[in-house]
PDB file of N, CA and C in Angstrom:
ATOM      1  N   MET A   1       5.545 -15.362  -4.967  1.00  0.00           N
ATOM      2  CA  MET A   1       5.527 -13.941  -5.181  1.00  0.00           C
ATOM      3  C   MET A   1       6.966 -13.514  -5.419  1.00  0.00           C
ATOM      4  N   SER A   2       7.144 -12.730  -6.455  1.00  0.00           N
ATOM      5  CA  SER A   2       8.500 -12.284  -6.752  1.00  0.00           C
ATOM      6  C   SER A   2       8.926 -11.197  -5.759  1.00  0.00           C
ATOM      7  N   THR A   3      10.198 -11.108  -5.580  1.00  0.00           N
ATOM      8  CA  THR A   3      10.739 -10.124  -4.663  1.00  0.00           C
ATOM      9  C   THR A   3      10.426  -8.713  -5.139  1.00  0.00           C
ATOM     10  N   GLY A   4      10.462  -8.505  -6.454  1.00  0.00           N
ATOM     11  CA  GLY A   4      10.155  -7.189  -7.003  1.00  0.00           C
ATOM     12  C   GLY A   4       8.739  -6.756  -6.685  1.00  0.00           C
ATOM     13  N   ASP A   5       7.798  -7.702  -6.791  1.00  0.00           N
ATOM     14  CA  ASP A   5       6.398  -7.391  -6.464  1.00  0.00           C
ATOM     15  C   ASP A   5       6.253  -7.054  -4.990  1.00  0.00           C
ATOM     16  N   LYS A   6       6.934  -7.810  -4.142  1.00  0.00           N
ATOM     17  CA  LYS A   6       6.881  -7.553  -2.704  1.00  0.00           C
ATOM     18  C   LYS A   6       7.375  -6.144  -2.383  1.00  0.00           C
ATOM     19  N   ILE A   7       8.485  -5.777  -2.998  1.00  0.00           N
ATOM     20  CA  ILE A   7       9.070  -4.461  -2.750  1.00  0.00           C
ATOM     21  C   ILE A   7       8.137  -3.365  -3.238  1.00  0.00           C
ATOM     22  N   GLU A   8       7.574  -3.554  -4.430  1.00  0.00           N
ATOM     23  CA  GLU A   8       6.664  -2.548  -4.980  1.00  0.00           C
ATOM     24  C   GLU A   8       5.424  -2.384  -4.102  1.00  0.00           C
ATOM     25  N   ASN A   9       4.845  -3.497  -3.666  1.00  0.00           N
ATOM     26  CA  ASN A   9       3.650  -3.433  -2.826  1.00  0.00           C
ATOM     27  C   ASN A   9       3.944  -2.789  -1.482  1.00  0.00           C
ATOM     28  N   THR A  10       5.070  -3.132  -0.905  1.00  0.00           N
ATOM     29  CA  THR A  10       5.466  -2.527   0.364  1.00  0.00           C
ATOM     30  C   THR A  10       5.721  -1.037   0.174  1.00  0.00           C
ATOM     31  N   GLY A  11       6.293  -0.678  -0.969  1.00  0.00           N
ATOM     32  CA  GLY A  11       6.509   0.736  -1.275  1.00  0.00           C
ATOM     33  C   GLY A  11       5.200   1.501  -1.344  1.00  0.00           C
ATOM     34  N   ASP A  12       4.179   0.897  -1.961  1.00  0.00           N
ATOM     35  CA  ASP A  12       2.862   1.533  -2.013  1.00  0.00           C
ATOM     36  C   ASP A  12       2.317   1.755  -0.606  1.00  0.00           C
ATOM     37  N   GLU A  13       2.468   0.744   0.246  1.00  0.00           N
ATOM     38  CA  GLU A  13       1.978   0.857   1.615  1.00  0.00           C
ATOM     39  C   GLU A  13       2.705   1.967   2.374  1.00  0.00           C
ATOM     40  N   VAL A  14       4.018   2.012   2.244  1.00  0.00           N
ATOM     41  CA  VAL A  14       4.816   3.009   2.964  1.00  0.00           C
ATOM     42  C   VAL A  14       4.503   4.410   2.444  1.00  0.00           C
ATOM     43  N   ASN A  15       4.430   4.566   1.123  1.00  0.00           N
ATOM     44  CA  ASN A  15       4.098   5.879   0.558  1.00  0.00           C
ATOM     45  C   ASN A  15       2.730   6.330   1.042  1.00  0.00           C
ATOM     46  N   GLY A  16       1.800   5.402   1.120  1.00  0.00           N
ATOM     47  CA  GLY A  16       0.469   5.741   1.614  1.00  0.00           C
ATOM     48  C   GLY A  16       0.496   6.210   3.052  1.00  0.00           C
ATOM     49  N   GLU A  17       1.272   5.522   3.875  1.00  0.00           N
ATOM     50  CA  GLU A  17       1.370   5.907   5.276  1.00  0.00           C
ATOM     51  C   GLU A  17       1.989   7.296   5.420  1.00  0.00           C
ATOM     52  N   VAL A  18       3.009   7.587   4.614  1.00  0.00           N
ATOM     53  CA  VAL A  18       3.664   8.892   4.671  1.00  0.00           C
ATOM     54  C   VAL A  18       2.689   9.983   4.243  1.00  0.00           C
ATOM     55  N   LYS A  19       1.990   9.754   3.121  1.00  0.00           N
ATOM     56  CA  LYS A  19       1.013  10.744   2.643  1.00  0.00           C
ATOM     57  C   LYS A  19      -0.084  10.975   3.683  1.00  0.00           C
ATOM     58  N   GLU A  20      -0.572   9.876   4.250  1.00  0.00           N
ATOM     59  CA  GLU A  20      -1.642   9.987   5.243  1.00  0.00           C
ATOM     60  C   GLU A  20      -1.175  10.791   6.453  1.00  0.00           C
ATOM     61  N   SER A  21       0.013  10.497   6.937  1.00  0.00           N
ATOM     62  CA  SER A  21       0.556  11.220   8.089  1.00  0.00           C
ATOM     63  C   SER A  21       0.785  12.690   7.774  1.00  0.00           C
ATOM     64  N   ALA A  22       1.309  12.965   6.586  1.00  0.00           N
ATOM     65  CA  ALA A  22       1.543  14.351   6.192  1.00  0.00           C
ATOM     66  C   ALA A  22       0.219  15.105   6.084  1.00  0.00           C
ATOM     67  N   GLY A  23      -0.784  14.436   5.534  1.00  0.00           N
ATOM     68  CA  GLY A  23      -2.099  15.066   5.416  1.00  0.00           C
ATOM     69  C   GLY A  23      -2.685  15.402   6.769  1.00  0.00           C
ATOM     70  N   LYS A  24      -2.528  14.488   7.725  1.00  0.00           N
ATOM     71  CA  LYS A  24      -3.021  14.743   9.083  1.00  0.00           C
ATOM     72  C   LYS A  24      -2.262  15.897   9.721  1.00  0.00           C
ATOM     73  N   ALA A  25      -0.950  15.920   9.507  1.00  0.00           N
ATOM     74  CA  ALA A  25      -0.105  16.935  10.147  1.00  0.00           C
ATOM     75  C   ALA A  25      -0.442  18.345   9.673  1.00  0.00           C
ATOM     76  N   VAL A  26      -0.759  18.485   8.389  1.00  0.00           N
ATOM     77  CA  VAL A  26      -1.023  19.826   7.858  1.00  0.00           C
ATOM     78  C   VAL A  26      -2.507  20.110   7.711  1.00  0.00           C
ATOM     79  N   GLY A  27      -3.345  19.138   8.054  1.00  0.00           N
ATOM     80  CA  GLY A  27      -4.784  19.339   7.975  1.00  0.00           C
ATOM     81  C   GLY A  27      -5.332  19.263   6.561  1.00  0.00           C
ATOM     82  N   ASN A  28      -4.635  18.542   5.679  1.00  0.00           N
ATOM     83  CA  ASN A  28      -5.057  18.404   4.291  1.00  0.00           C
ATOM     84  C   ASN A  28      -5.809  17.082   4.138  1.00  0.00           C
ATOM     85  N   GLU A  29      -7.127  17.151   4.100  1.00  0.00           N
ATOM     86  CA  GLU A  29      -7.944  15.940   4.044  1.00  0.00           C
ATOM     87  C   GLU A  29      -7.752  15.176   2.733  1.00  0.00           C
ATOM     88  N   ARG A  30      -7.535  15.907   1.645  1.00  0.00           N
ATOM     89  CA  ARG A  30      -7.346  15.246   0.345  1.00  0.00           C
ATOM     90  C   ARG A  30      -6.070  14.404   0.354  1.00  0.00           C
ATOM     91  N   LEU A  31      -4.983  14.941   0.862  1.00  0.00           N
ATOM     92  CA  LEU A  31      -3.716  14.216   0.937  1.00  0.00           C
ATOM     93  C   LEU A  31      -3.851  13.013   1.867  1.00  0.00           C
ATOM     94  N   GLU A  32      -4.555  13.200   2.950  1.00  0.00           N
ATOM     95  CA  GLU A  32      -4.781  12.108   3.899  1.00  0.00           C
ATOM     96  C   GLU A  32      -5.564  10.980   3.231  1.00  0.00           C
ATOM     97  N   ALA A  33      -6.593  11.327   2.456  1.00  0.00           N
ATOM     98  CA  ALA A  33      -7.400  10.321   1.759  1.00  0.00           C
ATOM     99  C   ALA A  33      -6.588   9.612   0.677  1.00  0.00           C
ATOM    100  N   GLU A  34      -5.748  10.357  -0.040  1.00  0.00           N
ATOM    101  CA  GLU A  34      -4.879   9.736  -1.047  1.00  0.00           C
ATOM    102  C   GLU A  34      -3.938   8.731  -0.385  1.00  0.00           C
ATOM    103  N   GLY A  35      -3.418   9.088   0.757  1.00  0.00           N
ATOM    104  CA  GLY A  35      -2.525   8.198   1.485  1.00  0.00           C
ATOM    105  C   GLY A  35      -3.223   6.923   1.908  1.00  0.00           C
ATOM    106  N   ARG A  36      -4.453   7.068   2.419  1.00  0.00           N
ATOM    107  CA  ARG A  36      -5.227   5.886   2.796  1.00  0.00           C
ATOM    108  C   ARG A  36      -5.461   4.990   1.585  1.00  0.00           C
ATOM    109  N   ALA A  37      -5.802   5.603   0.452  1.00  0.00           N
ATOM    110  CA  ALA A  37      -6.064   4.844  -0.772  1.00  0.00           C
ATOM    111  C   ALA A  37      -4.809   4.104  -1.234  1.00  0.00           C
ATOM    112  N   ASP A  38      -3.660   4.762  -1.205  1.00  0.00           N
ATOM    113  CA  ASP A  38      -2.405   4.115  -1.603  1.00  0.00           C
ATOM    114  C   ASP A  38      -2.070   2.948  -0.682  1.00  0.00           C
ATOM    115  N   ARG A  39      -2.287   3.151   0.615  1.00  0.00           N
ATOM    116  CA  ARG A  39      -1.993   2.096   1.585  1.00  0.00           C
ATOM    117  C   ARG A  39      -2.885   0.884   1.347  1.00  0.00           C
ATOM    118  N   VAL A  40      -4.160   1.132   1.122  1.00  0.00           N
ATOM    119  CA  VAL A  40      -5.100   0.037   0.879  1.00  0.00           C
ATOM    120  C   VAL A  40      -4.756  -0.677  -0.427  1.00  0.00           C
ATOM    121  N   LYS A  41      -4.371   0.093  -1.448  1.00  0.00           N
ATOM    122  CA  LYS A  41      -3.990  -0.503  -2.728  1.00  0.00           C
ATOM    123  C   LYS A  41      -2.816  -1.461  -2.528  1.00  0.00           C
ATOM    124  N   GLY A  42      -1.820  -1.043  -1.774  1.00  0.00           N
ATOM    125  CA  GLY A  42      -0.669  -1.901  -1.491  1.00  0.00           C
ATOM    126  C   GLY A  42      -1.074  -3.147  -0.728  1.00  0.00           C
ATOM    127  N   ASP A  43      -1.959  -2.978   0.253  1.00  0.00           N
ATOM    128  CA  ASP A  43      -2.437  -4.131   1.030  1.00  0.00           C
ATOM    129  C   ASP A  43      -3.168  -5.132   0.142  1.00  0.00           C
ATOM    130  N   LEU A  44      -4.026  -4.643  -0.745  1.00  0.00           N
ATOM    131  CA  LEU A  44      -4.790  -5.528  -1.621  1.00  0.00           C
ATOM    132  C   LEU A  44      -3.887  -6.258  -2.609  1.00  0.00           C
ATOM    133  N   LYS A  45      -2.911  -5.555  -3.151  1.00  0.00           N
ATOM    134  CA  LYS A  45      -1.981  -6.193  -4.077  1.00  0.00           C
ATOM    135  C   LYS A  45      -1.183  -7.279  -3.363  1.00  0.00           C
ATOM    136  N   GLN A  46      -0.789  -6.993  -2.147  1.00  0.00           N
ATOM    137  CA  GLN A  46      -0.038  -7.961  -1.354  1.00  0.00           C
ATOM    138  C   GLN A  46      -0.899  -9.202  -1.083  1.00  0.00           C
ATOM    139  N   ALA A  47      -2.176  -8.993  -0.753  1.00  0.00           N
ATOM    140  CA  ALA A  47      -3.080 -10.110  -0.500  1.00  0.00           C
ATOM    141  C   ALA A  47      -3.269 -10.940  -1.765  1.00  0.00           C
ATOM    142  N   GLY A  48      -3.378 -10.288  -2.907  1.00  0.00           N
ATOM    143  CA  GLY A  48      -3.510 -11.008  -4.176  1.00  0.00           C
ATOM    144  C   GLY A  48      -2.298 -11.868  -4.457  1.00  0.00           C
ATOM    145  N   GLU A  49      -1.122 -11.359  -4.143  1.00  0.00           N
ATOM    146  CA  GLU A  49       0.097 -12.139  -4.344  1.00  0.00           C
ATOM    147  C   GLU A  49       0.117 -13.360  -3.423  1.00  0.00           C
ATOM    148  N   HIS A  50      -0.371 -13.201  -2.207  1.00  0.00           N
ATOM    149  CA  HIS A  50      -0.414 -14.333  -1.270  1.00  0.00           C
ATOM    150  C   HIS A  50      -1.370 -15.413  -1.781  1.00  0.00           C
ATOM    151  N   VAL A  51      -2.489 -15.002  -2.375  1.00  0.00           N
ATOM    152  CA  VAL A  51      -3.444 -15.960  -2.929  1.00  0.00           C
ATOM    153  C   VAL A  51      -2.791 -16.723  -4.081  1.00  0.00           C
ATOM    154  N   LYS A  52      -2.079 -15.995  -4.955  1.00  0.00           N
ATOM    155  CA  LYS A  52      -1.400 -16.661  -6.063  1.00  0.00           C
ATOM    156  C   LYS A  52      -0.385 -17.659  -5.543  1.00  0.00           C
ATOM    157  N   ASP A  53       0.353 -17.287  -4.497  1.00  0.00           N
ATOM    158  CA  ASP A  53       1.341 -18.196  -3.922  1.00  0.00           C
ATOM    159  C   ASP A  53       0.683 -19.447  -3.359  1.00  0.00           C
ATOM    160  N   ALA A  54      -0.482 -19.303  -2.766  1.00  0.00           N
ATOM    161  CA  ALA A  54      -1.182 -20.445  -2.175  1.00  0.00           C
ATOM    162  C   ALA A  54      -1.568 -21.447  -3.244  1.00  0.00           C
ATOM    163  N   PHE A  55      -1.942 -20.972  -4.417  1.00  0.00           N
ATOM    164  CA  PHE A  55      -2.333 -21.882  -5.499  1.00  0.00           C
ATOM    165  C   PHE A  55      -1.157 -22.510  -6.206  1.00  0.00           C
ATOM    166  N   LYS A  56       0.024 -21.946  -6.067  1.00  0.00           N
ATOM    167  CA  LYS A  56       1.221 -22.503  -6.689  1.00  0.00           C
ATOM    168  C   LYS A  56       1.705 -23.744  -5.945  1.00  0.00           C
ATOM    169  N   ARG A  57       1.306 -23.882  -4.710  1.00  0.00           N
ATOM    170  CA  ARG A  57       1.795 -25.005  -3.891  1.00  0.00           C
ATOM    171  C   ARG A  57       1.112 -26.262  -4.226  1.00  0.00           C
TER     172      ARG A  57
END
């Protein structure tokens, strides 16, 4: 997995966590759901990269 991909995926996860927390803090369910979706997207991309790395070995 390239370092750039790792950083991008981690960025998606962090942005999702921030959005989710902000949504909870202000009571905005839509923002909270967007944050959850971004976090999950980052997690899935990260898992896909790990699978690719496993096959490279």
